[in-house]
Protein backbone atom coordinates (compact mmCIF):
# COMPACT_ATOMS: atom_id res chain seq x y z
CA MET A 1 92.12 75.75 76.86
CA ASP A 2 90.13 73.17 75.76
CA ILE A 3 87.81 73.94 77.26
CA GLY A 4 86.52 76.74 74.96
CA ARG A 5 87.45 74.54 72.25
CA THR A 6 85.19 71.76 72.71
CA ILE A 7 82.16 73.49 74.52
CA VAL A 8 81.16 74.61 70.54
CA VAL A 9 78.13 71.74 71.12
CA ARG A 10 76.68 74.31 73.56
CA SER A 11 76.91 77.51 71.65
CA ILE A 12 74.69 79.16 73.13
CA PRO A 13 76.62 82.59 74.10
CA ALA A 14 78.55 80.70 76.02
CA ASP A 15 81.51 84.09 75.56
CA CYS A 16 82.59 84.63 78.97
CA ALA A 17 83.82 84.24 82.63
CA MET A 18 85.30 85.06 85.83
CA LYS A 19 84.06 86.09 89.13
CA GLU A 20 83.77 88.39 92.71
CA TRP A 21 82.19 90.76 92.78
CA THR A 22 84.76 92.93 94.22
CA GLY A 23 87.69 91.41 92.48
CA MET A 24 88.37 88.27 91.36
CA SER A 25 90.72 85.84 94.09
CA GLY A 26 89.93 87.43 96.69
CA TYR A 27 87.16 86.43 98.47
CA VAL A 28 89.65 84.83 101.00
CA LEU A 29 92.04 86.44 100.14
CA ARG A 30 90.55 89.53 100.48
CA ARG A 31 88.82 89.14 103.98
CA SER A 32 91.98 87.65 105.41
CA LEU A 33 93.93 90.94 104.18
CA LEU A 34 91.13 93.01 105.79
CA SER A 35 91.98 91.19 109.76
CA LEU A 36 94.74 91.38 109.18
CA MET A 37 95.33 95.19 108.50
CA THR A 38 92.71 94.93 111.17
CA LEU A 39 94.77 93.03 113.83
CA GLY A 40 97.48 95.07 112.50
CA ALA A 41 95.94 98.66 113.42
CA ILE A 42 94.88 96.49 116.44
CA LEU A 43 99.22 95.95 117.43
CA VAL A 44 99.88 98.89 116.64
CA ILE A 45 97.75 101.10 119.09
CA GLY A 46 98.56 98.71 121.98
CA GLY A 47 102.52 98.08 121.19
CA GLY A 48 102.38 102.26 121.28
CA VAL A 49 101.43 102.53 124.39
CA LEU A 50 103.21 99.45 125.96
CA VAL A 51 106.53 101.33 124.61
CA ALA A 52 105.53 104.49 125.44
CA MET A 53 104.81 103.02 129.10
CA GLY A 54 108.44 101.85 128.70
CA VAL A 55 107.81 97.70 127.35
CA PRO A 56 110.92 96.76 125.52
CA VAL A 57 109.69 96.68 122.23
CA TRP A 58 111.04 93.14 121.53
CA VAL A 59 107.16 92.02 123.70
CA PRO A 60 104.68 93.89 121.44
CA LEU A 61 106.73 92.58 118.31
CA VAL A 62 107.72 89.03 119.36
CA PHE A 63 103.75 88.95 120.20
CA SER A 64 102.53 90.68 116.75
CA LEU A 65 104.80 87.93 115.41
CA LEU A 66 103.05 84.75 116.95
CA LEU A 67 99.83 86.47 116.79
CA ILE A 68 99.98 86.00 113.59
CA GLY A 69 101.60 83.02 113.21
CA LEU A 70 98.18 81.47 115.42
CA GLN A 71 95.56 83.36 112.59
CA TYR A 72 97.74 82.02 109.28
CA ALA A 73 96.87 78.38 110.99
CA ILE A 74 93.50 79.01 111.97
CA ASN A 75 92.24 80.96 109.14
CA PRO A 76 91.82 77.94 106.89
CA ALA A 77 89.53 76.22 109.27
CA LEU A 78 88.35 79.20 110.50
CA LEU A 79 86.72 79.96 107.49
CA GLN A 80 85.90 76.67 106.43
CA TRP A 81 83.44 76.16 110.09
CA LEU A 82 82.18 80.02 109.13
CA VAL A 83 81.73 78.89 105.73
CA PRO A 84 80.61 75.63 105.22
CA ALA A 85 80.73 73.59 101.97
CA SER A 86 79.58 70.09 100.27
CA LEU A 87 83.05 68.72 99.40
CA ILE A 88 83.83 66.72 96.01
CA PRO A 89 85.15 63.25 96.84
CA LEU A 90 88.08 62.49 94.56
CA THR A 91 87.70 58.95 92.96
CA PRO A 92 89.67 56.20 93.32
CA ASP A 93 92.02 56.89 91.99
CA GLY A 94 92.63 60.38 92.84
CA ASP A 95 93.09 61.55 88.87
CA GLY A 96 89.79 63.76 89.34
CA TYR A 97 86.11 64.77 91.22
CA ALA A 98 83.28 61.44 92.00
CA ILE A 99 80.60 64.37 89.79
CA ASP A 100 79.32 64.46 85.98
CA HIS A 101 79.72 67.48 86.69
CA PRO A 102 81.39 70.69 84.48
CA ALA A 103 83.05 72.50 87.50
CA GLY A 104 84.23 68.53 88.77
CA ALA A 105 86.40 68.00 84.89
CA ILE A 106 87.28 72.12 85.11
CA VAL A 107 89.06 71.97 88.22
CA ALA A 108 91.40 69.23 88.09
CA ARG A 109 92.52 69.93 84.39
CA ARG A 110 93.79 73.94 85.49
CA CYS A 111 95.12 71.68 88.35
CA ARG A 112 97.06 69.35 86.68
CA GLU A 113 97.87 72.04 83.97
CA ALA A 114 99.20 74.43 86.76
CA GLY A 115 101.24 71.78 88.29
CA ILE A 116 99.53 71.36 91.58
CA PRO A 117 97.90 68.75 93.63
CA LEU A 118 93.68 68.74 93.33
CA VAL A 119 92.28 71.48 95.54
CA ARG A 120 90.16 70.05 98.40
CA LEU A 121 86.47 71.57 95.48
CA GLY A 122 84.03 72.92 97.86
CA ILE A 123 80.06 73.88 96.89
CA VAL A 124 78.76 76.51 99.26
CA ASP A 125 74.28 76.29 98.68
CA ASP A 126 74.11 79.78 98.37
CA GLY A 127 72.73 82.12 95.00
CA MET A 128 75.23 84.60 95.80
CA PRO A 129 77.29 84.03 92.28
CA ASN A 130 80.93 83.82 93.97
CA ALA A 131 84.64 81.44 94.49
CA PHE A 132 86.97 81.34 97.31
CA THR A 133 90.65 80.03 97.00
CA PHE A 134 91.37 79.62 101.01
CA GLY A 135 95.08 77.14 102.02
CA HIS A 136 98.01 76.97 104.09
CA TYR A 137 99.99 76.26 100.55
CA ARG A 138 99.59 74.66 97.56
CA GLY A 139 99.26 70.81 98.74
CA ASP A 140 96.12 72.07 101.23
CA ALA A 141 94.51 74.86 98.95
CA ARG A 142 90.44 74.52 99.20
CA VAL A 143 88.42 76.05 95.90
CA TRP A 144 84.96 76.97 96.97
CA LEU A 145 81.99 77.29 94.66
CA THR A 146 78.33 78.80 95.60
CA ARG A 147 75.37 77.14 93.91
CA GLY A 148 74.89 81.01 92.45
CA LEU A 149 77.86 80.81 90.64
CA LEU A 150 77.20 77.72 88.56
CA GLU A 151 73.67 79.05 87.95
CA ARG A 152 74.50 82.07 86.47
CA LEU A 153 77.56 81.32 84.55
CA GLU A 154 78.25 79.07 81.08
CA GLU A 155 80.84 76.64 81.49
CA ARG A 156 82.95 79.09 79.97
CA GLU A 157 82.30 81.38 82.46
CA LEU A 158 83.31 78.77 85.02
CA ASP A 159 86.52 77.91 83.58
CA ALA A 160 88.26 81.36 83.42
CA VAL A 161 86.49 81.70 87.05
CA VAL A 162 88.56 78.19 88.19
CA SER A 163 91.56 79.13 85.84
CA HIS A 164 92.12 82.30 88.75
CA GLU A 165 90.99 80.80 91.67
CA ILE A 166 93.70 77.51 90.16
CA GLY A 167 95.84 80.72 89.57
CA HIS A 168 95.81 81.77 92.71
CA VAL A 169 96.86 78.54 94.02
CA LYS A 170 100.30 78.74 91.55
CA HIS A 171 101.75 81.62 92.33
CA ASN A 172 100.88 81.22 97.03
CA ASP A 173 98.76 84.25 96.91
CA PHE A 174 97.22 83.47 100.17
CA ILE A 175 101.39 82.53 101.81
CA VAL A 176 102.45 85.66 100.19
CA MET A 177 99.26 88.18 101.94
CA THR A 178 99.66 86.88 105.13
CA PHE A 179 103.23 87.49 105.56
CA ALA A 180 103.10 90.87 103.24
CA ALA A 181 100.44 92.20 106.09
CA ALA A 182 102.91 91.46 108.61
CA ILE A 183 105.02 94.22 107.12
CA PRO A 184 103.67 97.04 108.05
CA ILE A 185 103.43 96.58 111.89
CA LEU A 186 106.77 95.19 111.46
CA ALA A 187 107.55 98.39 109.60
CA TYR A 188 105.87 100.06 112.88
CA TYR A 189 108.59 98.69 115.75
CA VAL A 190 110.81 99.28 113.73
CA VAL A 191 110.65 102.76 113.78
CA LEU A 192 109.40 103.15 117.50
CA ALA A 193 112.59 101.54 118.36
CA ALA A 194 114.90 103.51 116.93
CA ARG A 195 113.18 106.93 117.33
CA THR A 196 112.60 105.64 121.20
CA ASN A 197 115.78 104.89 121.74
CA ARG A 198 117.14 108.80 120.56
CA ASN A 199 114.08 110.20 121.88
CA ARG A 200 111.74 110.14 124.84
CA ASN A 201 109.40 112.51 123.31
CA SER A 202 106.84 109.87 122.91
CA LEU A 203 103.80 111.49 120.97
CA PRO A 204 106.13 112.14 118.06
CA VAL A 205 107.79 108.88 118.05
CA LEU A 206 104.22 107.29 118.16
CA LEU A 207 103.21 109.26 115.44
CA GLY A 208 106.28 108.65 112.88
CA ALA A 209 106.04 105.08 113.71
CA TYR A 210 102.24 105.04 113.04
CA ALA A 211 102.99 107.27 109.54
CA VAL A 212 105.36 104.02 108.33
CA TYR A 213 102.89 101.91 109.46
CA LEU A 214 99.73 103.58 107.18
CA VAL A 215 102.72 104.50 104.43
CA SER A 216 103.25 100.53 104.37
CA THR A 217 100.03 99.10 104.28
CA PHE A 218 98.48 101.26 101.09
CA VAL A 219 102.08 99.34 99.60
CA VAL A 220 100.58 95.77 100.84
CA LEU A 221 97.24 96.99 99.64
CA ALA A 222 99.24 97.84 96.30
CA LEU A 223 100.99 94.60 96.03
CA ALA A 224 97.17 92.15 96.46
CA ARG A 225 96.30 94.58 93.13
CA ALA A 226 98.97 93.42 91.17
CA ARG A 227 98.55 89.64 92.38
CA GLU A 228 94.54 90.35 91.35
CA THR A 229 95.60 91.62 88.09
CA ALA A 230 98.83 88.67 87.60
CA ALA A 231 95.87 85.95 88.15
CA ASP A 232 93.52 87.71 85.60
CA HIS A 233 96.37 87.58 83.74
CA HIS A 234 96.63 83.94 84.02
CA SER A 235 93.19 83.31 83.23
CA CYS A 236 93.34 85.10 79.87
CA GLU A 237 96.08 82.80 78.98
CA VAL A 238 95.36 79.81 79.82
CA THR A 239 91.77 79.80 78.70
CA GLY A 240 92.81 82.08 75.87
CA ASP A 241 89.61 83.33 76.13
CA GLY A 242 89.57 87.32 77.77
CA ASP A 243 86.54 87.82 76.34
CA ALA A 244 85.02 85.36 78.86
CA LEU A 245 86.63 87.02 81.62
CA CYS A 246 85.30 90.61 81.25
CA SER A 247 82.75 88.99 81.10
CA ALA A 248 81.92 87.37 83.90
CA LEU A 249 82.84 89.91 85.73
CA ILE A 250 80.93 92.58 84.47
CA LYS A 251 77.96 90.31 85.05
CA ILE A 252 79.08 89.15 88.54
CA ALA A 253 80.27 92.59 89.78
CA TYR A 254 77.90 94.30 88.83
CA GLY A 255 75.13 92.17 89.75
CA MET A 256 74.42 91.40 85.99
CA GLY A 257 72.83 88.59 84.07
CA LYS A 258 70.45 85.65 84.93
CA GLN A 259 69.47 82.65 85.97
CA LYS A 260 68.46 79.90 83.37
CA GLU A 261 66.66 77.05 84.62
CA ALA A 262 69.03 74.44 83.25
CA GLN A 263 71.78 75.91 84.71
CA GLU A 264 69.89 76.16 88.43
CA ALA A 265 68.21 72.43 88.57
CA GLU A 266 71.67 71.15 87.44
CA ALA A 267 73.73 73.38 90.01
CA ARG A 268 71.41 72.15 92.90
CA GLU A 269 71.61 69.16 91.13
CA LEU A 270 74.97 69.04 92.13
CA LEU A 271 75.30 70.32 95.59
CA ALA A 272 72.88 66.73 96.27
CA GLN A 273 75.02 65.19 94.43
CA ALA A 274 77.60 66.67 96.76
CA LYS A 275 75.61 66.24 100.10
CA ALA A 276 75.14 62.37 98.63
CA ALA A 277 78.55 61.56 98.33
CA GLY A 278 79.31 58.16 99.00
CA SER A 279 76.15 57.03 98.60
CA SER A 280 74.63 55.41 95.52
CA LYS A 281 77.57 56.84 93.23
CA ARG A 282 77.66 54.78 90.53
CA GLN A 283 73.87 55.35 90.06
CA ILE A 284 74.34 59.50 90.77
CA GLN A 285 76.79 59.83 88.01
CA ARG A 286 74.68 57.75 85.53
CA ASP A 287 71.77 60.56 86.09
CA ALA A 288 73.96 63.39 86.39
CA ALA A 289 75.30 61.94 82.84
CA SER A 290 71.68 62.10 81.49
CA ALA A 291 71.34 65.47 82.66
CA ARG A 292 73.62 66.93 81.07
CA ALA A 293 72.88 64.68 77.78
CA ARG A 294 69.65 66.35 77.46
CA GLN A 295 71.49 69.75 78.03
CA ARG A 296 73.76 69.73 75.52
CA ARG A 297 71.76 67.71 72.86
CA LEU A 298 69.10 71.56 73.22
CA ALA A 299 71.90 73.43 73.69
CA SER A 300 73.16 72.44 69.82
CA MET A 301 70.23 73.02 68.87
CA SER A 302 71.06 76.85 68.43
CA VAL A 303 74.42 76.43 65.80
CA LEU A 304 71.42 76.33 63.36
CA GLY A 305 70.69 80.44 64.13
CA ILE A 306 71.85 83.25 61.45
CA ALA A 307 75.90 84.16 63.75
CA ASP A 308 77.83 81.70 64.76
CA PRO A 309 77.94 82.68 69.01
CA ASN A 310 81.64 83.28 69.82
CA GLN A 311 81.79 85.30 67.04
CA ALA A 312 79.44 87.35 68.41
CA ALA A 313 79.97 91.12 70.31
CA ALA A 314 79.88 90.69 74.16
CA VAL A 315 76.65 93.26 73.99
CA THR A 316 75.07 90.75 72.00
CA LEU A 317 75.81 88.48 74.67
CA ALA A 318 74.30 90.86 76.96
CA LEU A 319 71.10 90.98 75.23
CA GLU A 320 70.21 87.94 75.40
CA GLU A 321 71.36 87.06 79.62
CA GLY A 322 68.81 89.61 79.85
CA VAL A 323 71.69 92.61 80.43
CA ALA A 324 71.50 95.36 78.20
CA PRO A 325 74.14 97.40 76.73
CA GLU A 326 73.47 101.00 78.46
CA ASP A 327 73.58 99.26 80.93
CA ILE A 328 77.02 97.15 80.96
CA LEU A 329 78.61 100.65 79.14
CA GLY A 330 77.07 102.83 82.20
CA ALA A 331 78.71 100.11 85.07
CA LEU A 332 82.29 100.52 83.69
CA ARG A 333 81.65 104.69 83.59
CA TRP A 334 80.86 105.11 86.69
CA GLU A 335 83.98 103.77 87.90
CA ALA A 336 86.20 105.47 85.04
CA LEU A 337 85.49 109.03 85.50
CA ASN A 338 83.50 109.07 88.63
CA PRO A 339 86.17 110.17 91.34
CA TRP A 340 84.93 107.92 94.30
CA ALA A 341 85.96 104.78 92.05
CA ARG A 342 89.88 105.96 92.19
CA PHE A 343 89.46 107.11 95.40
CA GLN A 344 88.39 103.80 96.74
CA GLU A 345 90.97 101.59 94.59
CA PHE A 346 93.75 103.27 95.93
CA MET A 347 92.25 101.50 100.00
CA ALA A 348 90.59 98.83 98.51
CA SER A 349 93.05 95.21 97.60
CA HIS A 350 90.88 94.71 93.86
CA PRO A 351 91.66 96.82 90.96
CA ILE A 352 87.69 97.90 90.02
CA VAL A 353 86.42 96.59 87.17
CA VAL A 354 87.45 98.86 84.38
CA HIS A 355 90.19 99.01 85.70
CA ARG A 356 90.85 95.27 84.86
CA ILE A 357 89.06 94.82 81.60
CA ALA A 358 91.31 97.70 80.60
CA ASP A 359 95.00 95.99 81.20
CA LEU A 360 94.15 92.83 80.28
CA GLU A 361 93.03 94.56 76.84
CA ARG A 362 96.54 96.42 76.76
CA SER A 363 98.07 92.96 77.71
CA GLY A 364 98.97 91.87 74.29
CA LEU A 365 97.89 87.62 75.51
CA PRO A 366 96.73 85.15 72.81
CA GLY A 367 93.19 85.83 74.32
CA ALA A 368 93.36 89.25 74.66
CA PRO A 369 89.52 90.71 75.13
CA THR A 370 88.05 92.96 72.48
CA HIS A 371 84.38 93.45 72.61
CA TRP A 372 84.37 94.99 75.98
CA HIS A 373 87.16 98.40 75.24
CA ALA A 374 87.24 99.26 78.49
CA VAL A 375 90.53 101.78 77.78
CA GLN A 376 88.35 103.72 75.74
CA VAL A 377 85.51 104.47 78.28
CA GLU A 378 88.29 105.41 80.54
CA GLU A 379 89.58 107.77 78.09
CA ALA A 380 85.54 109.49 77.53
CA ALA A 381 86.28 112.30 80.11
CA ASP A 382 84.87 115.15 78.55
CA ASP A 383 81.22 115.02 79.71
CA PRO A 384 79.63 117.71 81.47
CA GLN A 385 77.87 115.20 83.76
CA VAL A 386 81.94 114.07 84.87
CA ARG A 387 83.10 117.60 85.54
CA LYS A 388 79.59 117.64 87.55
CA ALA A 389 80.59 114.32 89.40
CA ARG A 390 84.11 115.56 89.60
CA ARG A 391 83.26 118.73 91.13
CA ARG A 392 80.16 116.80 92.75
CA PHE A 393 83.27 114.93 94.73
CA ALA A 394 84.99 117.88 96.16
CA GLY A 395 82.17 118.44 98.49
CA GLU A 396 80.86 114.96 99.43
CA PHE A 397 84.61 114.77 100.34
CA VAL A 398 84.33 116.85 102.35
CA VAL A 399 81.34 115.78 104.19
CA ARG A 400 82.55 112.28 104.17
CA PHE A 401 86.26 113.39 106.20
CA ALA A 402 85.25 116.91 107.82
CA ALA A 403 82.88 115.68 110.82
CA PRO A 404 85.32 113.23 111.60
CA LEU A 405 87.51 115.12 112.63
CA ALA A 406 85.55 118.45 113.55
CA LEU A 407 84.88 115.63 116.84
CA ILE A 408 88.02 115.13 117.48
CA GLY A 409 88.73 118.78 117.72
CA ALA A 410 86.10 119.25 119.91
CA LEU A 411 88.20 116.42 122.14
CA LEU A 412 91.11 118.47 122.38
CA GLY A 413 89.64 121.44 123.24
CA TYR A 414 87.59 119.43 125.96
CA VAL A 415 91.36 117.95 127.24
CA VAL A 416 93.52 121.36 127.48
CA LYS A 417 89.71 123.39 128.49
CA ASN A 418 89.93 125.07 125.78
CA TYR A 419 85.63 125.12 125.97
CA ARG A 420 85.19 127.04 123.37
CA VAL A 421 86.72 125.65 120.45
CA THR A 422 85.42 122.67 121.80
CA GLY A 423 81.96 124.51 121.06
CA TRP A 424 82.18 125.56 117.95
CA CYS A 425 84.39 122.43 116.92
CA LEU A 426 81.00 120.12 117.84
CA LEU A 427 78.16 122.47 116.19
CA ALA A 428 80.68 122.00 112.98
CA GLY A 429 80.48 118.90 113.44
CA GLY A 430 76.78 118.03 114.00
CA GLY A 431 76.25 120.32 110.93
CA LEU A 432 78.24 117.96 109.08
CA LEU A 433 77.49 115.10 110.22
CA LEU A 434 73.48 116.29 109.58
CA VAL A 435 74.60 117.35 106.08
CA LYS A 436 76.22 113.36 105.57
CA ALA A 437 72.97 111.71 107.11
CA LEU A 438 71.09 113.82 104.15
CA LEU A 439 72.98 112.70 101.06
CA ARG A 440 72.71 109.21 102.43
CA HIS A 441 69.32 109.39 103.39
CA PRO A 442 67.29 111.71 101.10
CA PRO A 443 64.19 112.59 102.90
CA ALA A 444 62.77 112.09 98.80
CA HIS A 445 60.15 109.66 97.42
CA HIS A 446 61.67 106.07 97.28
CA GLU A 447 61.08 105.70 93.47
CA PRO A 448 59.96 102.46 91.89
CA VAL A 449 62.97 100.57 89.64
CA ASP A 450 61.73 97.80 86.72
CA ARG A 451 65.26 97.13 86.25
CA VAL A 452 68.85 96.98 88.37
CA THR A 453 71.10 96.92 86.57
CA THR A 454 69.24 100.61 85.27
CA LEU A 455 71.04 101.76 88.33
CA LEU A 456 74.67 101.53 87.09
CA GLY A 457 74.84 104.20 84.93
CA ARG A 458 74.23 107.19 87.50
CA LEU A 459 76.77 109.35 88.14
CA ASP A 460 75.32 110.70 91.16
CA ALA A 461 75.23 107.64 93.54
CA SER A 462 78.45 107.44 95.40
CA PRO A 463 79.93 106.08 98.41
CA VAL A 464 78.46 109.83 100.17
CA SER A 465 75.43 110.44 98.33
CA GLY A 466 72.12 107.71 98.08
CA LEU A 467 69.29 107.81 95.02
CA ALA A 468 66.15 106.76 97.36
CA VAL A 469 64.76 103.39 95.06
CA SER A 470 62.03 100.42 96.07
CA LEU A 471 63.44 97.08 93.97
CA ARG A 472 60.43 93.99 93.21
CA GLY A 473 62.98 90.82 93.54
CA ARG A 474 63.58 87.64 94.23
CA ILE A 475 66.15 86.85 98.07
CA ILE A 476 68.65 84.86 96.26
CA GLY A 477 70.78 84.27 99.62
CA ARG A 478 73.47 86.33 101.40
CA ALA A 479 75.98 88.73 100.76
CA THR A 480 78.63 86.63 102.32
CA PRO A 481 77.70 83.38 100.70
CA GLY A 482 77.70 80.94 103.06
CA TYR A 483 78.21 83.22 106.19
CA VAL A 484 75.81 82.58 108.90
CA LEU A 485 76.58 85.74 110.06
CA SER A 486 76.23 87.90 107.03
CA PRO A 487 72.71 90.05 108.04
CA ASP A 488 72.89 91.30 104.23
CA LEU A 489 70.59 90.02 101.38
CA VAL A 490 70.93 90.03 98.11
CA LEU A 491 67.54 90.85 95.77
CA GLN A 492 67.71 89.11 92.17
CA ASP A 493 65.22 91.03 89.56
CA GLN A 494 65.14 89.77 85.79
CA SER A 495 68.15 91.97 84.94
CA GLY A 496 70.25 91.28 87.67
CA PHE A 497 70.92 91.24 91.29
CA VAL A 498 72.28 93.79 94.24
CA PRO A 499 73.31 93.01 97.69
CA LEU A 500 70.67 94.48 100.58
CA LEU A 501 72.62 96.30 103.61
CA TYR A 502 70.55 95.82 107.20
CA ARG A 503 72.42 98.57 109.49
CA GLN A 504 71.39 99.20 112.74
CA PRO A 505 72.64 101.68 115.85
CA ILE A 506 71.95 98.53 118.12
CA PRO A 507 74.64 97.12 118.95
CA PHE A 508 74.65 93.19 117.69
CA SER A 509 71.13 93.46 115.97
CA ARG A 510 73.08 92.86 112.41
CA ALA A 511 74.11 89.27 113.56
CA LEU A 512 70.63 88.36 115.91
CA PHE A 513 68.76 89.47 112.69
CA ALA A 514 71.71 87.53 110.62
CA LEU A 515 70.90 84.50 112.77
CA LEU A 516 67.31 84.68 113.65
CA LYS A 517 65.94 86.38 110.79
CA ALA A 518 67.68 86.72 107.51
CA GLY A 519 67.45 82.93 106.53
CA ARG A 520 63.40 83.87 105.95
CA TYR A 521 63.25 86.05 103.49
CA ALA A 522 65.17 83.12 101.65
CA GLU A 523 63.89 82.19 98.10
CA GLN A 524 60.85 84.94 98.99
CA GLU A 525 59.72 87.37 96.36
CA VAL A 526 60.27 91.24 98.21
CA LEU A 527 59.44 94.68 97.99
CA ALA A 528 62.95 96.36 99.09
CA ARG A 529 63.11 100.16 100.01
CA GLY A 530 65.59 101.53 100.41
CA TRP A 531 69.07 103.95 99.46
CA TYR A 532 71.42 102.80 96.48
CA ARG A 533 75.03 103.67 95.93
CA ARG A 534 77.95 102.91 94.82
CA SER A 535 81.35 102.12 96.22
CA PRO A 536 82.85 101.30 93.87
CA THR A 537 80.40 97.78 94.14
CA PRO A 538 76.51 98.97 93.65
CA VAL A 539 74.75 98.20 96.78
CA VAL A 540 70.97 99.77 98.37
CA GLU A 541 70.58 100.35 102.10
CA LEU A 542 67.35 98.77 103.66
CA ARG A 543 64.57 101.45 104.72
CA ASP A 544 62.70 99.04 104.96
CA ILE A 545 61.94 95.04 103.77
CA SER A 546 58.56 92.50 103.17
CA ALA A 547 58.51 89.10 102.23
CA ALA A 548 55.33 87.62 100.35
CA ASP A 549 54.39 85.14 103.37
CA GLY A 550 54.43 88.80 105.69
CA THR A 551 57.59 88.98 106.84
CA ARG A 552 58.91 92.56 107.53
CA THR A 553 62.39 94.39 108.95
CA ARG A 554 62.37 97.66 109.70
CA SER A 555 65.80 99.36 110.15
CA TRP A 556 66.33 102.59 111.66
CA GLN A 557 70.01 103.87 111.28
CA TRP A 558 68.58 106.22 108.81
CA ALA A 559 67.10 108.23 111.81
CA PHE A 560 69.88 107.50 114.44
CA ASP A 561 71.92 109.09 111.66
CA TYR A 562 69.35 111.91 111.77
CA LEU A 563 69.41 112.21 115.87
CA LEU A 564 73.38 112.14 115.48
CA GLY A 565 73.74 115.18 113.02
CA LEU A 566 71.15 117.00 115.36
CA GLY A 567 71.95 116.18 119.44
CA VAL A 568 75.93 116.52 118.45
CA GLY A 569 74.99 120.25 116.97
CA LEU A 570 72.26 121.30 119.85
CA VAL A 571 75.36 120.34 122.08
CA GLY A 572 77.54 122.16 120.19
CA LEU A 573 75.03 125.39 120.26
CA LEU A 574 74.71 125.16 124.43
CA VAL A 575 78.35 125.01 124.94
CA VAL A 576 78.89 127.66 122.60
CA ALA A 577 76.19 129.76 124.14
CA ILE A 578 77.21 129.07 127.49
CA ASN A 579 80.90 130.12 127.04
CA LEU A 580 80.38 133.50 125.02
CA GLY A 581 78.08 134.62 128.39
CA VAL A 582 80.08 133.63 131.03
CA ARG A 583 82.75 135.98 128.61
């Protein structure tokens, strides 16, 4: 709690705090959970086949537990390799970090307050703001902070981000969620064994076991969201500054806010210090101290302003950060009122931002936020645009999920040799795929957008419906910070940033782009054309991107989606015609 008071000397809008564009803990928790679920799906299918073949049920059960244990054992080393960071060394007495940057002092203090050993602190050289927590147990925990996080957040915001991450360490969340993710797999095999003993009809047994697996998976996701909420409460409680937490969620989850030159220089200096740790450490610390002193002297001049920034409303802060208040309200409004937000939250490991803020407002904690009014936004449902968005949801839901069902029907028709059903299902599936392509990639003029944050209030954007847009800005990093196999980039303009998704229909092309070409766009001014969507994270799926040095990349996924729908539909039409002719 000291940090919110001692930073008054900076006295500029320092109200804010917290990280991560999908949730706060969360990068590693989120990725570990999803990877475990993927592993579970593979084990479910493979185990079902083995049992149906008469293999004892304990064989896949033991095998699944061994794989989960192996993943738990190697995940930290694997993630540390995939997301390399420069480690901050400890002081000789082991009571702090040998670096004169606010991040070191904040992490050390929050670890002591939580009663846990100092975590391994690393700085990832990437402009995308994020923070990662991972490890085996409290004494082995790592906290990775990206350069973009240090550049974008004020000191109080950084404190809240760190406090959230330390909350996950204190609560042993990476242990809890790793073993919780094993429950769906175990439940699947228990049901499978019980039913197999009573019923030799393999299909009902497999369907029943898979239903248990799905239900338990949703329970695990609900548990993950609950632990995210608990970490939010921990941060709010120890910092006493819920408004800071909410402000950082807004700035980072929605890509709002802009980097400040002084903070950017300080963050890059810290990264250089981390890389050079061990050589001339005392000189490094003296230089860093001088830089901080200069920054504080400049910031302290703001106390001469007409109002105390610590008493300013969050919207005032947003304006000074380059974020328009209507953009903030629009971002919250989409999450609160668009049915896709609630639907996708149900299948996600993190609550959506508006619900996280509203939960903090209702928490009754001493530092509960007072400026964001997310509860009122949740309740403002009587609006013609909202009603239109909800009507649109029904059609988009059908388009998104009916096409795969139609194709499954075509496959079943082929298996039972009912080619009339196969033809009609292919025809329906092709039509639905074509409609989906038209919604996701509308063949409209790519409208220039001056500020990416103005798109946040568009209720007509969804995971299914895209808006054709053209953006100009600078590439600040990869969508998965520091991850060398991430082909998706992050574009920043004067108002905020947005991830650019690179998709191709050719296998392995994304990985090749990540390894061979994505790095060439770093820190370059670019023109990007594509389709803006919300899912609920705002993203732009690229059609093409051109850099100032002449580098250009095109995506052909949109064309493939159109051709796939046409091709499947034409095959279905041909099968139907042949079938009718035979009859």
